[in-house]
Full PDB file with SEQRES, HELIX, SHEET, SSBOND, CRYST1, ORIGX, SCALE, CONECT and MASTER records, all heavy atoms in Angstrom:
SEQRES   1 A   40  LYS SER ILE PHE LEU ALA GLU GLY GLU THR HIS VAL LEU          
SEQRES   2 A   40  GLU ALA LEU ARG LEU LEU ILE GLY GLN GLN THR GLU MET          
SEQRES   3 A   40  THR ILE VAL GLY GLU ALA ARG SER VAL GLU SER LEU LEU          
SEQRES   4 A   40  VAL                                                          
HELIX    1 AA1 THR A   10  GLY A   21  1                                  12    
HELIX    2 AA2 VAL A   35  LEU A   39  1                                   5    
SHEET    1 AA1 2 SER A   2  ALA A   6  0                                        
SHEET    2 AA1 2 THR A  27  ALA A  32  1                                        
CRYST1    1.000    1.000    1.000  90.00  90.00  90.00 P 1           1          
ORIGX1      1.000000  0.000000  0.000000        0.00000                         
ORIGX2      0.000000  1.000000  0.000000        0.00000                         
ORIGX3      0.000000  0.000000  1.000000        0.00000                         
SCALE1      1.000000  0.000000  0.000000        0.00000                         
SCALE2      0.000000  1.000000  0.000000        0.00000                         
SCALE3      0.000000  0.000000  1.000000        0.00000                         
ATOM      1  N   LYS A   1     111.314 167.953  45.266  1.00  0.00           N  
ATOM      2  CA  LYS A   1     111.580 166.601  45.760  1.00  0.00           C  
ATOM      3  C   LYS A   1     110.656 165.602  45.075  1.00  0.00           C  
ATOM      4  O   LYS A   1     109.450 165.822  44.969  1.00  0.00           O  
ATOM      5  CB  LYS A   1     111.361 166.520  47.274  1.00  0.00           C  
ATOM      6  CG  LYS A   1     112.241 167.467  48.071  1.00  0.00           C  
ATOM      7  CD  LYS A   1     113.699 167.105  47.945  1.00  0.00           C  
ATOM      8  CE  LYS A   1     114.536 167.991  48.843  1.00  0.00           C  
ATOM      9  NZ  LYS A   1     115.952 167.811  48.639  1.00  0.00           N  
ATOM     10  N   SER A   2     111.222 164.499  44.615  1.00  0.00           N  
ATOM     11  CA  SER A   2     110.429 163.452  43.975  1.00  0.00           C  
ATOM     12  C   SER A   2     109.952 162.459  45.036  1.00  0.00           C  
ATOM     13  O   SER A   2     110.717 162.003  45.869  1.00  0.00           O  
ATOM     14  CB  SER A   2     111.249 162.744  42.892  1.00  0.00           C  
ATOM     15  OG  SER A   2     112.425 162.184  43.435  1.00  0.00           O  
ATOM     16  N   ILE A   3     108.659 162.160  44.978  1.00  0.00           N  
ATOM     17  CA  ILE A   3     108.009 161.317  45.976  1.00  0.00           C  
ATOM     18  C   ILE A   3     107.387 160.113  45.267  1.00  0.00           C  
ATOM     19  O   ILE A   3     106.698 160.280  44.259  1.00  0.00           O  
ATOM     20  CB  ILE A   3     106.882 162.088  46.704  1.00  0.00           C  
ATOM     21  CG1 ILE A   3     107.368 163.450  47.131  1.00  0.00           C  
ATOM     22  CG2 ILE A   3     106.244 161.229  47.785  1.00  0.00           C  
ATOM     23  CD1 ILE A   3     107.618 163.688  48.553  1.00  0.00           C  
ATOM     24  N   PHE A   4     107.627 158.936  45.810  1.00  0.00           N  
ATOM     25  CA  PHE A   4     106.987 157.724  45.307  1.00  0.00           C  
ATOM     26  C   PHE A   4     106.011 157.259  46.381  1.00  0.00           C  
ATOM     27  O   PHE A   4     106.392 157.119  47.545  1.00  0.00           O  
ATOM     28  CB  PHE A   4     108.017 156.627  45.018  1.00  0.00           C  
ATOM     29  CG  PHE A   4     107.432 155.480  44.248  1.00  0.00           C  
ATOM     30  CD1 PHE A   4     107.591 155.407  42.878  1.00  0.00           C  
ATOM     31  CD2 PHE A   4     106.707 154.482  44.894  1.00  0.00           C  
ATOM     32  CE1 PHE A   4     107.032 154.357  42.149  1.00  0.00           C  
ATOM     33  CE2 PHE A   4     106.140 153.437  44.186  1.00  0.00           C  
ATOM     34  CZ  PHE A   4     106.308 153.373  42.813  1.00  0.00           C  
ATOM     35  N   LEU A   5     104.763 157.014  45.992  1.00  0.00           N  
ATOM     36  CA  LEU A   5     103.729 156.592  46.932  1.00  0.00           C  
ATOM     37  C   LEU A   5     103.513 155.087  46.838  1.00  0.00           C  
ATOM     38  O   LEU A   5     103.179 154.570  45.768  1.00  0.00           O  
ATOM     39  CB  LEU A   5     102.406 157.301  46.617  1.00  0.00           C  
ATOM     40  CG  LEU A   5     102.424 158.826  46.612  1.00  0.00           C  
ATOM     41  CD1 LEU A   5     101.066 159.364  46.168  1.00  0.00           C  
ATOM     42  CD2 LEU A   5     102.780 159.352  47.989  1.00  0.00           C  
ATOM     43  N   ALA A   6     103.733 154.386  47.935  1.00  0.00           N  
ATOM     44  CA  ALA A   6     103.460 152.947  48.018  1.00  0.00           C  
ATOM     45  C   ALA A   6     102.357 152.774  49.053  1.00  0.00           C  
ATOM     46  O   ALA A   6     102.611 152.750  50.252  1.00  0.00           O  
ATOM     47  CB  ALA A   6     104.714 152.188  48.412  1.00  0.00           C  
ATOM     48  N   GLU A   7     101.124 152.717  48.581  1.00  0.00           N  
ATOM     49  CA  GLU A   7      99.951 152.725  49.465  1.00  0.00           C  
ATOM     50  C   GLU A   7      98.926 151.726  48.957  1.00  0.00           C  
ATOM     51  O   GLU A   7      98.559 151.762  47.787  1.00  0.00           O  
ATOM     52  CB  GLU A   7      99.353 154.134  49.496  1.00  0.00           C  
ATOM     53  CG  GLU A   7      98.038 154.272  50.224  1.00  0.00           C  
ATOM     54  CD  GLU A   7      98.091 153.807  51.670  1.00  0.00           C  
ATOM     55  OE1 GLU A   7      98.908 154.324  52.446  1.00  0.00           O  
ATOM     56  OE2 GLU A   7      97.304 152.910  52.017  1.00  0.00           O  
ATOM     57  N   GLY A   8      98.481 150.840  49.838  1.00  0.00           N  
ATOM     58  CA  GLY A   8      97.547 149.791  49.447  1.00  0.00           C  
ATOM     59  C   GLY A   8      96.089 150.208  49.384  1.00  0.00           C  
ATOM     60  O   GLY A   8      95.302 149.572  48.697  1.00  0.00           O  
ATOM     61  N   GLU A   9      95.712 151.251  50.091  1.00  0.00           N  
ATOM     62  CA  GLU A   9      94.305 151.658  50.143  1.00  0.00           C  
ATOM     63  C   GLU A   9      94.042 152.792  49.151  1.00  0.00           C  
ATOM     64  O   GLU A   9      94.673 153.838  49.211  1.00  0.00           O  
ATOM     65  CB  GLU A   9      93.941 152.120  51.549  1.00  0.00           C  
ATOM     66  CG  GLU A   9      94.042 151.012  52.577  1.00  0.00           C  
ATOM     67  CD  GLU A   9      93.609 151.475  53.948  1.00  0.00           C  
ATOM     68  OE1 GLU A   9      92.459 151.954  54.067  1.00  0.00           O  
ATOM     69  OE2 GLU A   9      94.421 151.386  54.879  1.00  0.00           O  
ATOM     70  N   THR A  10      93.084 152.554  48.263  1.00  0.00           N  
ATOM     71  CA  THR A  10      92.791 153.512  47.198  1.00  0.00           C  
ATOM     72  C   THR A  10      92.452 154.893  47.737  1.00  0.00           C  
ATOM     73  O   THR A  10      92.984 155.895  47.243  1.00  0.00           O  
ATOM     74  CB  THR A  10      91.618 152.997  46.327  1.00  0.00           C  
ATOM     75  OG1 THR A  10      91.977 151.722  45.812  1.00  0.00           O  
ATOM     76  CG2 THR A  10      91.334 153.946  45.183  1.00  0.00           C  
ATOM     77  N   HIS A  11      91.607 154.987  48.754  1.00  0.00           N  
ATOM     78  CA  HIS A  11      91.201 156.308  49.250  1.00  0.00           C  
ATOM     79  C   HIS A  11      92.375 157.059  49.878  1.00  0.00           C  
ATOM     80  O   HIS A  11      92.463 158.280  49.768  1.00  0.00           O  
ATOM     81  CB  HIS A  11      90.007 156.207  50.214  1.00  0.00           C  
ATOM     82  CG  HIS A  11      90.320 155.572  51.521  1.00  0.00           C  
ATOM     83  ND1 HIS A  11      90.452 154.208  51.692  1.00  0.00           N  
ATOM     84  CD2 HIS A  11      90.543 156.116  52.737  1.00  0.00           C  
ATOM     85  CE1 HIS A  11      90.737 153.946  52.948  1.00  0.00           C  
ATOM     86  NE2 HIS A  11      90.804 155.082  53.620  1.00  0.00           N  
ATOM     87  N   VAL A  12      93.286 156.338  50.517  1.00  0.00           N  
ATOM     88  CA  VAL A  12      94.465 156.990  51.100  1.00  0.00           C  
ATOM     89  C   VAL A  12      95.404 157.440  49.981  1.00  0.00           C  
ATOM     90  O   VAL A  12      95.931 158.552  50.016  1.00  0.00           O  
ATOM     91  CB  VAL A  12      95.196 156.050  52.091  1.00  0.00           C  
ATOM     92  CG1 VAL A  12      96.462 156.702  52.623  1.00  0.00           C  
ATOM     93  CG2 VAL A  12      94.269 155.668  53.234  1.00  0.00           C  
ATOM     94  N   LEU A  13      95.582 156.591  48.979  1.00  0.00           N  
ATOM     95  CA  LEU A  13      96.426 156.940  47.837  1.00  0.00           C  
ATOM     96  C   LEU A  13      95.893 158.200  47.149  1.00  0.00           C  
ATOM     97  O   LEU A  13      96.661 159.119  46.839  1.00  0.00           O  
ATOM     98  CB  LEU A  13      96.486 155.771  46.854  1.00  0.00           C  
ATOM     99  CG  LEU A  13      97.418 155.919  45.668  1.00  0.00           C  
ATOM    100  CD1 LEU A  13      98.860 156.089  46.113  1.00  0.00           C  
ATOM    101  CD2 LEU A  13      97.295 154.704  44.745  1.00  0.00           C  
ATOM    102  N   GLU A  14      94.589 158.267  46.953  1.00  0.00           N  
ATOM    103  CA  GLU A  14      93.988 159.445  46.314  1.00  0.00           C  
ATOM    104  C   GLU A  14      94.180 160.695  47.169  1.00  0.00           C  
ATOM    105  O   GLU A  14      94.473 161.772  46.648  1.00  0.00           O  
ATOM    106  CB  GLU A  14      92.509 159.190  46.034  1.00  0.00           C  
ATOM    107  CG  GLU A  14      92.297 158.177  44.934  1.00  0.00           C  
ATOM    108  CD  GLU A  14      90.853 157.740  44.780  1.00  0.00           C  
ATOM    109  OE1 GLU A  14      89.988 158.145  45.585  1.00  0.00           O  
ATOM    110  OE2 GLU A  14      90.592 156.963  43.836  1.00  0.00           O  
ATOM    111  N   ALA A  15      94.026 160.564  48.481  1.00  0.00           N  
ATOM    112  CA  ALA A  15      94.205 161.709  49.378  1.00  0.00           C  
ATOM    113  C   ALA A  15      95.659 162.187  49.356  1.00  0.00           C  
ATOM    114  O   ALA A  15      95.922 163.399  49.305  1.00  0.00           O  
ATOM    115  CB  ALA A  15      93.789 161.342  50.807  1.00  0.00           C  
ATOM    116  N   LEU A  16      96.601 161.245  49.384  1.00  0.00           N  
ATOM    117  CA  LEU A  16      98.017 161.617  49.325  1.00  0.00           C  
ATOM    118  C   LEU A  16      98.341 162.291  48.000  1.00  0.00           C  
ATOM    119  O   LEU A  16      99.074 163.279  47.953  1.00  0.00           O  
ATOM    120  CB  LEU A  16      98.901 160.377  49.496  1.00  0.00           C  
ATOM    121  CG  LEU A  16      98.946 159.772  50.893  1.00  0.00           C  
ATOM    122  CD1 LEU A  16      99.667 158.425  50.857  1.00  0.00           C  
ATOM    123  CD2 LEU A  16      99.618 160.710  51.877  1.00  0.00           C  
ATOM    124  N   ARG A  17      97.811 161.756  46.922  1.00  0.00           N  
ATOM    125  CA  ARG A  17      98.040 162.328  45.600  1.00  0.00           C  
ATOM    126  C   ARG A  17      97.542 163.779  45.550  1.00  0.00           C  
ATOM    127  O   ARG A  17      98.237 164.664  45.065  1.00  0.00           O  
ATOM    128  CB  ARG A  17      97.322 161.487  44.547  1.00  0.00           C  
ATOM    129  CG  ARG A  17      97.653 161.867  43.126  1.00  0.00           C  
ATOM    130  CD  ARG A  17      96.839 161.076  42.104  1.00  0.00           C  
ATOM    131  NE  ARG A  17      96.933 159.637  42.284  1.00  0.00           N  
ATOM    132  CZ  ARG A  17      95.868 158.818  42.292  1.00  0.00           C  
ATOM    133  NH1 ARG A  17      94.645 159.293  42.156  1.00  0.00           N  
ATOM    134  NH2 ARG A  17      96.037 157.522  42.434  1.00  0.00           N  
ATOM    135  N   LEU A  18      96.365 164.015  46.094  1.00  0.00           N  
ATOM    136  CA  LEU A  18      95.794 165.363  46.116  1.00  0.00           C  
ATOM    137  C   LEU A  18      96.619 166.292  47.000  1.00  0.00           C  
ATOM    138  O   LEU A  18      96.991 167.395  46.589  1.00  0.00           O  
ATOM    139  CB  LEU A  18      94.349 165.301  46.616  1.00  0.00           C  
ATOM    140  CG  LEU A  18      93.607 166.623  46.714  1.00  0.00           C  
ATOM    141  CD1 LEU A  18      93.402 167.222  45.328  1.00  0.00           C  
ATOM    142  CD2 LEU A  18      92.271 166.431  47.404  1.00  0.00           C  
ATOM    143  N   LEU A  19      96.947 165.838  48.193  1.00  0.00           N  
ATOM    144  CA  LEU A  19      97.678 166.658  49.157  1.00  0.00           C  
ATOM    145  C   LEU A  19      99.078 167.008  48.653  1.00  0.00           C  
ATOM    146  O   LEU A  19      99.478 168.176  48.642  1.00  0.00           O  
ATOM    147  CB  LEU A  19      97.765 165.915  50.498  1.00  0.00           C  
ATOM    148  CG  LEU A  19      98.482 166.637  51.635  1.00  0.00           C  
ATOM    149  CD1 LEU A  19      97.785 167.945  51.984  1.00  0.00           C  
ATOM    150  CD2 LEU A  19      98.560 165.729  52.845  1.00  0.00           C  
ATOM    151  N   ILE A  20      99.825 166.011  48.227  1.00  0.00           N  
ATOM    152  CA  ILE A  20     101.197 166.245  47.764  1.00  0.00           C  
ATOM    153  C   ILE A  20     101.191 166.984  46.431  1.00  0.00           C  
ATOM    154  O   ILE A  20     102.060 167.819  46.172  1.00  0.00           O  
ATOM    155  CB  ILE A  20     101.981 164.914  47.700  1.00  0.00           C  
ATOM    156  CG1 ILE A  20     102.150 164.380  49.127  1.00  0.00           C  
ATOM    157  CG2 ILE A  20     103.340 165.100  47.013  1.00  0.00           C  
ATOM    158  CD1 ILE A  20     102.665 162.963  49.211  1.00  0.00           C  
ATOM    159  N   GLY A  21     100.199 166.726  45.613  1.00  0.00           N  
ATOM    160  CA  GLY A  21     100.086 167.414  44.322  1.00  0.00           C  
ATOM    161  C   GLY A  21      99.915 168.915  44.456  1.00  0.00           C  
ATOM    162  O   GLY A  21     100.232 169.673  43.536  1.00  0.00           O  
ATOM    163  N   GLN A  22      99.452 169.376  45.608  1.00  0.00           N  
ATOM    164  CA  GLN A  22      99.276 170.813  45.850  1.00  0.00           C  
ATOM    165  C   GLN A  22     100.570 171.490  46.297  1.00  0.00           C  
ATOM    166  O   GLN A  22     100.626 172.715  46.387  1.00  0.00           O  
ATOM    167  CB  GLN A  22      98.202 171.037  46.921  1.00  0.00           C  
ATOM    168  CG  GLN A  22      96.834 170.586  46.492  1.00  0.00           C  
ATOM    169  CD  GLN A  22      95.835 170.622  47.643  1.00  0.00           C  
ATOM    170  OE1 GLN A  22      96.191 170.701  48.810  1.00  0.00           O  
ATOM    171  NE2 GLN A  22      94.557 170.557  47.288  1.00  0.00           N  
ATOM    172  N   GLN A  23     101.604 170.698  46.566  1.00  0.00           N  
ATOM    173  CA  GLN A  23     102.870 171.252  47.067  1.00  0.00           C  
ATOM    174  C   GLN A  23     103.791 171.556  45.885  1.00  0.00           C  
ATOM    175  O   GLN A  23     104.147 170.647  45.142  1.00  0.00           O  
ATOM    176  CB  GLN A  23     103.553 170.256  48.022  1.00  0.00           C  
ATOM    177  CG  GLN A  23     102.657 169.714  49.114  1.00  0.00           C  
ATOM    178  CD  GLN A  23     101.992 170.800  49.930  1.00  0.00           C  
ATOM    179  OE1 GLN A  23     102.648 171.701  50.436  1.00  0.00           O  
ATOM    180  NE2 GLN A  23     100.675 170.715  50.062  1.00  0.00           N  
ATOM    181  N   THR A  24     104.172 172.809  45.714  1.00  0.00           N  
ATOM    182  CA  THR A  24     105.007 173.175  44.577  1.00  0.00           C  
ATOM    183  C   THR A  24     106.424 172.622  44.690  1.00  0.00           C  
ATOM    184  O   THR A  24     107.106 172.458  43.680  1.00  0.00           O  
ATOM    185  CB  THR A  24     105.085 174.711  44.421  1.00  0.00           C  
ATOM    186  OG1 THR A  24     105.586 175.264  45.643  1.00  0.00           O  
ATOM    187  CG2 THR A  24     103.739 175.306  44.094  1.00  0.00           C  
ATOM    188  N   GLU A  25     106.854 172.301  45.901  1.00  0.00           N  
ATOM    189  CA  GLU A  25     108.216 171.807  46.089  1.00  0.00           C  
ATOM    190  C   GLU A  25     108.300 170.275  46.054  1.00  0.00           C  
ATOM    191  O   GLU A  25     109.355 169.706  46.320  1.00  0.00           O  
ATOM    192  CB  GLU A  25     108.811 172.345  47.392  1.00  0.00           C  
ATOM    193  CG  GLU A  25     108.224 171.761  48.658  1.00  0.00           C  
ATOM    194  CD  GLU A  25     106.880 172.351  49.102  1.00  0.00           C  
ATOM    195  OE1 GLU A  25     106.319 173.212  48.394  1.00  0.00           O  
ATOM    196  OE2 GLU A  25     106.395 171.943  50.159  1.00  0.00           O  
ATOM    197  N   MET A  26     107.180 169.613  45.723  1.00  0.00           N  
ATOM    198  CA  MET A  26     107.149 168.152  45.668  1.00  0.00           C  
ATOM    199  C   MET A  26     106.451 167.702  44.391  1.00  0.00           C  
ATOM    200  O   MET A  26     105.539 168.360  43.922  1.00  0.00           O  
ATOM    201  CB  MET A  26     106.364 167.589  46.860  1.00  0.00           C  
ATOM    202  CG  MET A  26     106.944 167.898  48.202  1.00  0.00           C  
ATOM    203  SD  MET A  26     105.868 167.248  49.504  1.00  0.00           S  
ATOM    204  CE  MET A  26     106.516 168.133  50.924  1.00  0.00           C  
ATOM    205  N   THR A  27     106.916 166.573  43.866  1.00  0.00           N  
ATOM    206  CA  THR A  27     106.248 165.976  42.717  1.00  0.00           C  
ATOM    207  C   THR A  27     106.168 164.470  42.908  1.00  0.00           C  
ATOM    208  O   THR A  27     107.116 163.853  43.411  1.00  0.00           O  
ATOM    209  CB  THR A  27     106.961 166.327  41.394  1.00  0.00           C  
ATOM    210  OG1 THR A  27     106.201 165.816  40.310  1.00  0.00           O  
ATOM    211  CG2 THR A  27     108.370 165.769  41.329  1.00  0.00           C  
ATOM    212  N   ILE A  28     105.035 163.900  42.543  1.00  0.00           N  
ATOM    213  CA  ILE A  28     104.851 162.454  42.657  1.00  0.00           C  
ATOM    214  C   ILE A  28     105.386 161.820  41.377  1.00  0.00           C  
ATOM    215  O   ILE A  28     104.953 162.168  40.287  1.00  0.00           O  
ATOM    216  CB  ILE A  28     103.369 162.096  42.872  1.00  0.00           C  
ATOM    217  CG1 ILE A  28     102.882 162.694  44.198  1.00  0.00           C  
ATOM    218  CG2 ILE A  28     103.174 160.586  42.834  1.00  0.00           C  
ATOM    219  CD1 ILE A  28     101.388 162.632  44.392  1.00  0.00           C  
ATOM    220  N   VAL A  29     106.341 160.906  41.533  1.00  0.00           N  
ATOM    221  CA  VAL A  29     106.974 160.293  40.368  1.00  0.00           C  
ATOM    222  C   VAL A  29     106.507 158.859  40.127  1.00  0.00           C  
ATOM    223  O   VAL A  29     106.891 158.248  39.133  1.00  0.00           O  
ATOM    224  CB  VAL A  29     108.518 160.340  40.469  1.00  0.00           C  
ATOM    225  CG1 VAL A  29     109.011 161.772  40.421  1.00  0.00           C  
ATOM    226  CG2 VAL A  29     109.015 159.642  41.723  1.00  0.00           C  
ATOM    227  N   GLY A  30     105.703 158.324  41.035  1.00  0.00           N  
ATOM    228  CA  GLY A  30     105.197 156.979  40.841  1.00  0.00           C  
ATOM    229  C   GLY A  30     104.316 156.543  41.984  1.00  0.00           C  
ATOM    230  O   GLY A  30     104.319 157.147  43.048  1.00  0.00           O  
ATOM    231  N   GLU A  31     103.545 155.496  41.714  1.00  0.00           N  
ATOM    232  CA  GLU A  31     102.635 154.947  42.708  1.00  0.00           C  
ATOM    233  C   GLU A  31     102.632 153.435  42.587  1.00  0.00           C  
ATOM    234  O   GLU A  31     102.800 152.899  41.490  1.00  0.00           O  
ATOM    235  CB  GLU A  31     101.205 155.452  42.481  1.00  0.00           C  
ATOM    236  CG  GLU A  31     101.044 156.936  42.609  1.00  0.00           C  
ATOM    237  CD  GLU A  31      99.627 157.393  42.294  1.00  0.00           C  
ATOM    238  OE1 GLU A  31      98.750 156.542  42.014  1.00  0.00           O  
ATOM    239  OE2 GLU A  31      99.398 158.610  42.317  1.00  0.00           O  
ATOM    240  N   ALA A  32     102.438 152.777  43.725  1.00  0.00           N  
ATOM    241  CA  ALA A  32     102.309 151.325  43.745  1.00  0.00           C  
ATOM    242  C   ALA A  32     101.309 150.956  44.819  1.00  0.00           C  
ATOM    243  O   ALA A  32     101.220 151.615  45.842  1.00  0.00           O  
ATOM    244  CB  ALA A  32     103.661 150.677  44.032  1.00  0.00           C  
ATOM    245  N   ARG A  33     100.574 149.869  44.562  1.00  0.00           N  
ATOM    246  CA  ARG A  33      99.594 149.406  45.545  1.00  0.00           C  
ATOM    247  C   ARG A  33      99.985 148.073  46.152  1.00  0.00           C  
ATOM    248  O   ARG A  33      99.239 147.503  46.932  1.00  0.00           O  
ATOM    249  CB  ARG A  33      98.221 149.309  44.881  1.00  0.00           C  
ATOM    250  CG  ARG A  33      97.793 150.692  44.418  1.00  0.00           C  
ATOM    251  CD  ARG A  33      96.336 150.894  44.305  1.00  0.00           C  
ATOM    252  NE  ARG A  33      95.580 150.261  45.360  1.00  0.00           N  
ATOM    253  CZ  ARG A  33      94.312 149.920  45.235  1.00  0.00           C  
ATOM    254  NH1 ARG A  33      93.673 150.157  44.132  1.00  0.00           N  
ATOM    255  NH2 ARG A  33      93.678 149.356  46.236  1.00  0.00           N  
ATOM    256  N   SER A  34     101.191 147.578  45.785  1.00  0.00           N  
ATOM    257  CA  SER A  34     101.703 146.336  46.359  1.00  0.00           C  
ATOM    258  C   SER A  34     103.227 146.388  46.360  1.00  0.00           C  
ATOM    259  O   SER A  34     103.833 147.212  45.673  1.00  0.00           O  
ATOM    260  CB  SER A  34     101.239 145.126  45.541  1.00  0.00           C  
ATOM    261  OG  SER A  34     101.886 145.127  44.279  1.00  0.00           O  
ATOM    262  N   VAL A  35     103.837 145.500  47.127  1.00  0.00           N  
ATOM    263  CA  VAL A  35     105.296 145.436  47.185  1.00  0.00           C  
ATOM    264  C   VAL A  35     105.869 145.100  45.814  1.00  0.00           C  
ATOM    265  O   VAL A  35     106.855 145.694  45.380  1.00  0.00           O  
ATOM    266  CB  VAL A  35     105.743 144.387  48.237  1.00  0.00           C  
ATOM    267  CG1 VAL A  35     107.227 144.091  48.111  1.00  0.00           C  
ATOM    268  CG2 VAL A  35     105.420 144.890  49.633  1.00  0.00           C  
ATOM    269  N   GLU A  36     105.232 144.163  45.106  1.00  0.00           N  
ATOM    270  CA  GLU A  36     105.743 143.760  43.793  1.00  0.00           C  
ATOM    271  C   GLU A  36     105.806 144.935  42.833  1.00  0.00           C  
ATOM    272  O   GLU A  36     106.820 145.157  42.174  1.00  0.00           O  
ATOM    273  CB  GLU A  36     104.868 142.639  43.189  1.00  0.00           C  
ATOM    274  CG  GLU A  36     104.914 141.340  43.957  1.00  0.00           C  
ATOM    275  CD  GLU A  36     104.054 141.346  45.235  1.00  0.00           C  
ATOM    276  OE1 GLU A  36     103.153 142.197  45.370  1.00  0.00           O  
ATOM    277  OE2 GLU A  36     104.317 140.498  46.110  1.00  0.00           O  
ATOM    278  N   SER A  37     104.727 145.705  42.743  1.00  0.00           N  
ATOM    279  CA  SER A  37     104.738 146.828  41.802  1.00  0.00           C  
ATOM    280  C   SER A  37     105.674 147.936  42.288  1.00  0.00           C  
ATOM    281  O   SER A  37     106.288 148.633  41.476  1.00  0.00           O  
ATOM    282  CB  SER A  37     103.330 147.352  41.524  1.00  0.00           C  
ATOM    283  OG  SER A  37     102.757 147.927  42.657  1.00  0.00           O  
ATOM    284  N   LEU A  38     105.829 148.085  43.600  1.00  0.00           N  
ATOM    285  CA  LEU A  38     106.788 149.060  44.132  1.00  0.00           C  
ATOM    286  C   LEU A  38     108.191 148.730  43.639  1.00  0.00           C  
ATOM    287  O   LEU A  38     108.906 149.579  43.112  1.00  0.00           O  
ATOM    288  CB  LEU A  38     106.749 149.069  45.657  1.00  0.00           C  
ATOM    289  CG  LEU A  38     107.907 149.780  46.370  1.00  0.00           C  
ATOM    290  CD1 LEU A  38     107.935 151.266  46.042  1.00  0.00           C  
ATOM    291  CD2 LEU A  38     107.809 149.574  47.878  1.00  0.00           C  
ATOM    292  N   LEU A  39     108.601 147.484  43.799  1.00  0.00           N  
ATOM    293  CA  LEU A  39     109.958 147.085  43.422  1.00  0.00           C  
ATOM    294  C   LEU A  39     110.190 147.227  41.921  1.00  0.00           C  
ATOM    295  O   LEU A  39     111.256 147.655  41.492  1.00  0.00           O  
ATOM    296  CB  LEU A  39     110.241 145.656  43.884  1.00  0.00           C  
ATOM    297  CG  LEU A  39     110.343 145.506  45.401  1.00  0.00           C  
ATOM    298  CD1 LEU A  39     110.446 144.046  45.800  1.00  0.00           C  
ATOM    299  CD2 LEU A  39     111.522 146.302  45.950  1.00  0.00           C  
ATOM    300  N   VAL A  40     109.194 146.888  41.110  1.00  0.00           N  
ATOM    301  CA  VAL A  40     109.332 147.020  39.654  1.00  0.00           C  
ATOM    302  C   VAL A  40     109.473 148.486  39.264  1.00  0.00           C  
ATOM    303  O   VAL A  40     110.358 148.850  38.484  1.00  0.00           O  
ATOM    304  CB  VAL A  40     108.112 146.390  38.929  1.00  0.00           C  
ATOM    305  CG1 VAL A  40     108.078 146.791  37.466  1.00  0.00           C  
ATOM    306  CG2 VAL A  40     108.142 144.878  39.072  1.00  0.00           C  
TER     307      VAL A  40                                                      
MASTER        0    0    0    2    2    0    0    6  306    1    0    4          
END                                                                             
């Protein structure tokens, strides 16, 4: 499953990246720290 992370707080984004990155059935396909970058 492809996961896109839209998270404003750096420490939460890093924790999510680490946690989801350990899941073999999930892959992070993008990250955004604001609505504008999420939409782009």
